[in-house]
């Protein structure tokens, strides 16, 4: 598996250590899951925004399609 080095301030690292420890997890596992969660959330939000834009422009796209024929 590929790796990635991340840099944190001392305060950030202390907070990460405390959160991981509070959940009984390693910092690596906690950080990995946090990154995956954020990536999935960004993908979900993008998909929702794209769906909203398509719905909002549906009538305009239909009218434009009729004009071009």
N, C-alpha and C. Protein backbone atom coordinates (compact mmCIF):
# COMPACT_ATOMS: atom_id res chain seq x y z
N UNK A 1 0.84 -1.17 0.00
CA UNK A 1 0.00 0.00 0.00
C UNK A 1 0.89 1.24 0.00
N UNK A 2 0.50 2.25 -0.76
CA UNK A 2 1.27 3.48 -0.85
C UNK A 2 1.10 4.30 0.42
N UNK A 3 2.06 5.16 0.70
CA UNK A 3 2.03 5.98 1.89
C UNK A 3 2.05 7.46 1.53
N UNK A 4 1.80 8.27 2.53
CA UNK A 4 1.77 9.72 2.37
C UNK A 4 2.24 10.33 3.67
N UNK A 5 3.17 11.27 3.56
CA UNK A 5 3.63 11.98 4.75
C UNK A 5 2.85 13.28 4.86
N UNK A 6 2.33 13.55 6.04
CA UNK A 6 1.60 14.79 6.30
C UNK A 6 2.32 15.59 7.36
N UNK A 7 2.23 16.90 7.24
CA UNK A 7 2.85 17.77 8.23
C UNK A 7 1.75 18.45 9.05
N UNK A 8 1.94 18.47 10.36
CA UNK A 8 1.00 19.09 11.28
C UNK A 8 1.77 20.02 12.20
N UNK A 9 1.10 21.04 12.69
CA UNK A 9 1.69 21.83 13.78
C UNK A 9 1.66 20.96 15.03
N UNK A 10 2.39 21.37 16.03
CA UNK A 10 2.39 20.62 17.29
C UNK A 10 0.98 20.56 17.88
N UNK A 11 0.25 21.66 17.78
CA UNK A 11 -1.11 21.70 18.31
C UNK A 11 -2.03 20.75 17.54
N UNK A 12 -1.90 20.74 16.22
CA UNK A 12 -2.71 19.84 15.40
C UNK A 12 -2.39 18.38 15.70
N UNK A 13 -1.11 18.09 15.84
CA UNK A 13 -0.69 16.73 16.13
C UNK A 13 -1.18 16.29 17.51
N UNK A 14 -1.12 17.18 18.47
CA UNK A 14 -1.64 16.87 19.80
C UNK A 14 -3.14 16.58 19.74
N UNK A 15 -3.89 17.39 18.98
CA UNK A 15 -5.33 17.19 18.85
C UNK A 15 -5.63 15.87 18.15
N UNK A 16 -4.87 15.55 17.11
CA UNK A 16 -5.05 14.29 16.40
C UNK A 16 -4.77 13.12 17.33
N UNK A 17 -3.70 13.21 18.06
CA UNK A 17 -3.33 12.14 19.00
C UNK A 17 -4.44 11.95 20.04
N UNK A 18 -4.96 13.05 20.58
CA UNK A 18 -5.99 12.96 21.61
C UNK A 18 -7.28 12.36 21.06
N UNK A 19 -7.68 12.78 19.86
CA UNK A 19 -8.92 12.24 19.27
C UNK A 19 -8.79 10.76 18.96
N UNK A 20 -7.66 10.38 18.37
CA UNK A 20 -7.44 8.97 18.05
C UNK A 20 -7.42 8.14 19.32
N UNK A 21 -6.73 8.64 20.32
CA UNK A 21 -6.63 7.90 21.58
C UNK A 21 -8.01 7.78 22.24
N UNK A 22 -8.82 8.83 22.17
CA UNK A 22 -10.16 8.80 22.76
C UNK A 22 -11.03 7.73 22.11
N UNK A 23 -10.77 7.45 20.85
CA UNK A 23 -11.53 6.43 20.12
C UNK A 23 -10.84 5.07 20.14
N UNK A 24 -9.71 5.00 20.82
CA UNK A 24 -8.99 3.74 20.90
C UNK A 24 -8.40 3.30 19.56
N UNK A 25 -7.97 4.27 18.78
CA UNK A 25 -7.45 3.98 17.44
C UNK A 25 -6.05 4.57 17.29
N UNK A 26 -5.36 4.10 16.28
CA UNK A 26 -4.07 4.69 15.97
C UNK A 26 -4.29 6.02 15.26
N UNK A 27 -3.30 6.89 15.34
CA UNK A 27 -3.40 8.17 14.62
C UNK A 27 -3.49 7.92 13.12
N UNK A 28 -2.75 6.93 12.63
CA UNK A 28 -2.77 6.63 11.20
C UNK A 28 -4.16 6.20 10.75
N UNK A 29 -4.79 5.32 11.50
CA UNK A 29 -6.13 4.86 11.17
C UNK A 29 -7.14 6.00 11.24
N UNK A 30 -7.03 6.81 12.28
CA UNK A 30 -7.94 7.93 12.44
C UNK A 30 -7.79 8.93 11.29
N UNK A 31 -6.55 9.29 10.96
CA UNK A 31 -6.31 10.25 9.88
C UNK A 31 -6.77 9.68 8.54
N UNK A 32 -6.50 8.41 8.29
CA UNK A 32 -6.93 7.77 7.05
C UNK A 32 -8.43 7.86 6.89
N UNK A 33 -9.15 7.46 7.92
CA UNK A 33 -10.61 7.47 7.84
C UNK A 33 -11.16 8.89 7.69
N UNK A 34 -10.51 9.86 8.34
CA UNK A 34 -10.95 11.25 8.22
C UNK A 34 -10.79 11.74 6.78
N UNK A 35 -9.68 11.41 6.15
CA UNK A 35 -9.47 11.83 4.76
C UNK A 35 -10.48 11.16 3.83
N UNK A 36 -10.71 9.89 4.00
CA UNK A 36 -11.68 9.17 3.16
C UNK A 36 -13.08 9.75 3.36
N UNK A 37 -13.44 10.06 4.59
CA UNK A 37 -14.75 10.64 4.87
C UNK A 37 -14.92 11.98 4.15
N UNK A 38 -13.91 12.81 4.22
CA UNK A 38 -13.97 14.12 3.55
C UNK A 38 -14.06 13.95 2.03
N UNK A 39 -13.29 13.05 1.47
CA UNK A 39 -13.35 12.82 0.02
C UNK A 39 -14.75 12.36 -0.39
N UNK A 40 -15.32 11.44 0.35
CA UNK A 40 -16.67 10.94 0.04
C UNK A 40 -17.71 12.04 0.17
N UNK A 41 -17.56 12.88 1.19
CA UNK A 41 -18.51 13.98 1.39
C UNK A 41 -18.40 14.99 0.25
N UNK A 42 -17.19 15.30 -0.19
CA UNK A 42 -17.02 16.22 -1.31
C UNK A 42 -17.65 15.64 -2.57
N UNK A 43 -17.47 14.36 -2.81
CA UNK A 43 -18.07 13.72 -3.98
C UNK A 43 -19.59 13.77 -3.90
N UNK A 44 -20.14 13.51 -2.72
CA UNK A 44 -21.59 13.55 -2.53
C UNK A 44 -22.12 14.96 -2.78
N UNK A 45 -21.46 15.97 -2.23
CA UNK A 45 -21.89 17.35 -2.43
C UNK A 45 -21.80 17.76 -3.89
N UNK A 46 -20.75 17.34 -4.59
CA UNK A 46 -20.62 17.65 -6.01
C UNK A 46 -21.76 17.01 -6.79
N UNK A 47 -22.04 15.75 -6.51
CA UNK A 47 -23.13 15.06 -7.20
C UNK A 47 -24.47 15.74 -6.95
N UNK A 48 -24.71 16.16 -5.71
CA UNK A 48 -25.96 16.86 -5.40
C UNK A 48 -26.04 18.19 -6.15
N UNK A 49 -24.94 18.92 -6.21
CA UNK A 49 -24.92 20.21 -6.90
C UNK A 49 -25.15 20.01 -8.40
N UNK A 50 -24.52 19.00 -8.97
CA UNK A 50 -24.71 18.73 -10.40
C UNK A 50 -26.15 18.35 -10.69
N UNK A 51 -26.74 17.53 -9.83
CA UNK A 51 -28.14 17.14 -10.02
C UNK A 51 -29.05 18.36 -9.92
N UNK A 52 -28.79 19.22 -8.95
CA UNK A 52 -29.58 20.43 -8.79
C UNK A 52 -29.47 21.33 -10.03
N UNK A 53 -28.25 21.50 -10.54
CA UNK A 53 -28.04 22.34 -11.72
C UNK A 53 -28.77 21.76 -12.93
N UNK A 54 -28.73 20.45 -13.08
CA UNK A 54 -29.42 19.82 -14.21
C UNK A 54 -30.93 20.00 -14.10
N UNK A 55 -31.47 19.85 -12.91
CA UNK A 55 -32.91 20.04 -12.71
C UNK A 55 -33.30 21.49 -12.93
N UNK A 56 -32.47 22.42 -12.42
CA UNK A 56 -32.78 23.85 -12.54
C UNK A 56 -32.74 24.31 -13.98
N UNK A 57 -31.90 23.72 -14.80
CA UNK A 57 -31.77 24.14 -16.19
C UNK A 57 -32.53 23.23 -17.15
N UNK A 58 -33.29 22.29 -16.64
CA UNK A 58 -33.98 21.32 -17.49
C UNK A 58 -34.91 21.99 -18.50
N UNK A 59 -35.73 22.93 -18.06
CA UNK A 59 -36.66 23.60 -18.98
C UNK A 59 -35.90 24.43 -20.00
N UNK A 60 -34.89 25.16 -19.58
CA UNK A 60 -34.09 25.95 -20.51
C UNK A 60 -33.43 25.06 -21.55
N UNK A 61 -32.86 23.95 -21.12
CA UNK A 61 -32.21 23.03 -22.06
C UNK A 61 -33.22 22.47 -23.06
N UNK A 62 -34.43 22.18 -22.60
CA UNK A 62 -35.47 21.67 -23.49
C UNK A 62 -35.83 22.73 -24.54
N UNK A 63 -35.98 24.00 -24.10
CA UNK A 63 -36.32 25.07 -25.03
C UNK A 63 -35.20 25.34 -26.01
N UNK A 64 -33.96 25.29 -25.54
CA UNK A 64 -32.82 25.49 -26.44
C UNK A 64 -32.72 24.37 -27.47
N UNK A 65 -33.02 23.16 -27.04
CA UNK A 65 -32.97 22.02 -27.97
C UNK A 65 -34.01 22.20 -29.08
N UNK A 66 -35.18 22.73 -28.75
CA UNK A 66 -36.21 22.95 -29.77
C UNK A 66 -35.80 24.05 -30.74
N UNK A 67 -35.08 25.06 -30.26
CA UNK A 67 -34.65 26.16 -31.12
C UNK A 67 -33.58 25.73 -32.11
N UNK A 68 -32.81 24.76 -31.73
CA UNK A 68 -31.69 24.35 -32.60
C UNK A 68 -32.10 23.35 -33.66
N UNK A 69 -33.35 22.91 -33.67
CA UNK A 69 -33.78 21.94 -34.68
C UNK A 69 -34.55 22.61 -35.78
